Amino acid sequence: MSTLLVIAKEPRPGRVKTRLTPPFTPDEAAALAEASLADTLRAVAATPARRRVLVLAGAPGPWLPPGFDVVPQCAGGLDARLADAFAGCAGPALLIGMDTPQVTPELLDVDFAGCDAYFGPAEDGGFWALGLARPDPALLRGVPMSTPVTGAVQRERLRAAGLRVRDLPPLRDVDTAADARAVAALAPHGRFAARLAACTAGADARVGR
């Protein structure tokens, strides 16, 4: 079994999901981020794993289920923080973010037999998952993050290192309100979908719909 890593920010207003404002308020955006994180952690908790680790910027809250080790994110850019998360793993590890609440345990239950890496592309050009049979932080350092070519560069980095890469299905990150609606439709019974419905009602009320 693998170590499952979730890299996340504490869902605090004004610090997370700022591209959701508008139409949502900073408090609503933070509530959506919390729901997304809670759904993600629930999927990870239901996946067989050797260890489950939340790599967190901030402090844990009541949204954190039991069974997770919490470690702080290091300083630096996202590439450095992802690299540092893998540096703490002694064996196979799969890392995901907090922006895909539609993720399922079936997607996360990976088997490294016959491959060296898993790569989960995101629809915006990034990636939602990265798995390494032998974690090597150097595979991530220097990869440009949050660009339309991030995923392509990261996957090429794996290929250039001679790794056998197995692709996971592409998923959509929640960045904008349109993303939120699309993702909620894929997982209509999760906390994220319920929170989005409540936040949407609040936003509609503010504009008199």
Foldseek 3Di string as FASTA:
>chain_A
DAEEEEEEEQLDFPPPLPQPPPVFHSVLRSLLLLQLQLLVQVQVVPADHPAYEYAYDDDDDPSHDPRYHYHYFDDDDPLQRVLVVLVPDAFKYKYFYSFQSLDHNVLVHDDCVPWAKEWAAEPQQATGMIIGGGRDSVLRPPQDPPDNPSRVVSVVSCVVVVTGYDYGYYYYGPNYPVSLVVSCVSVVPGSSNVSNVVRVVVSCVVVVD
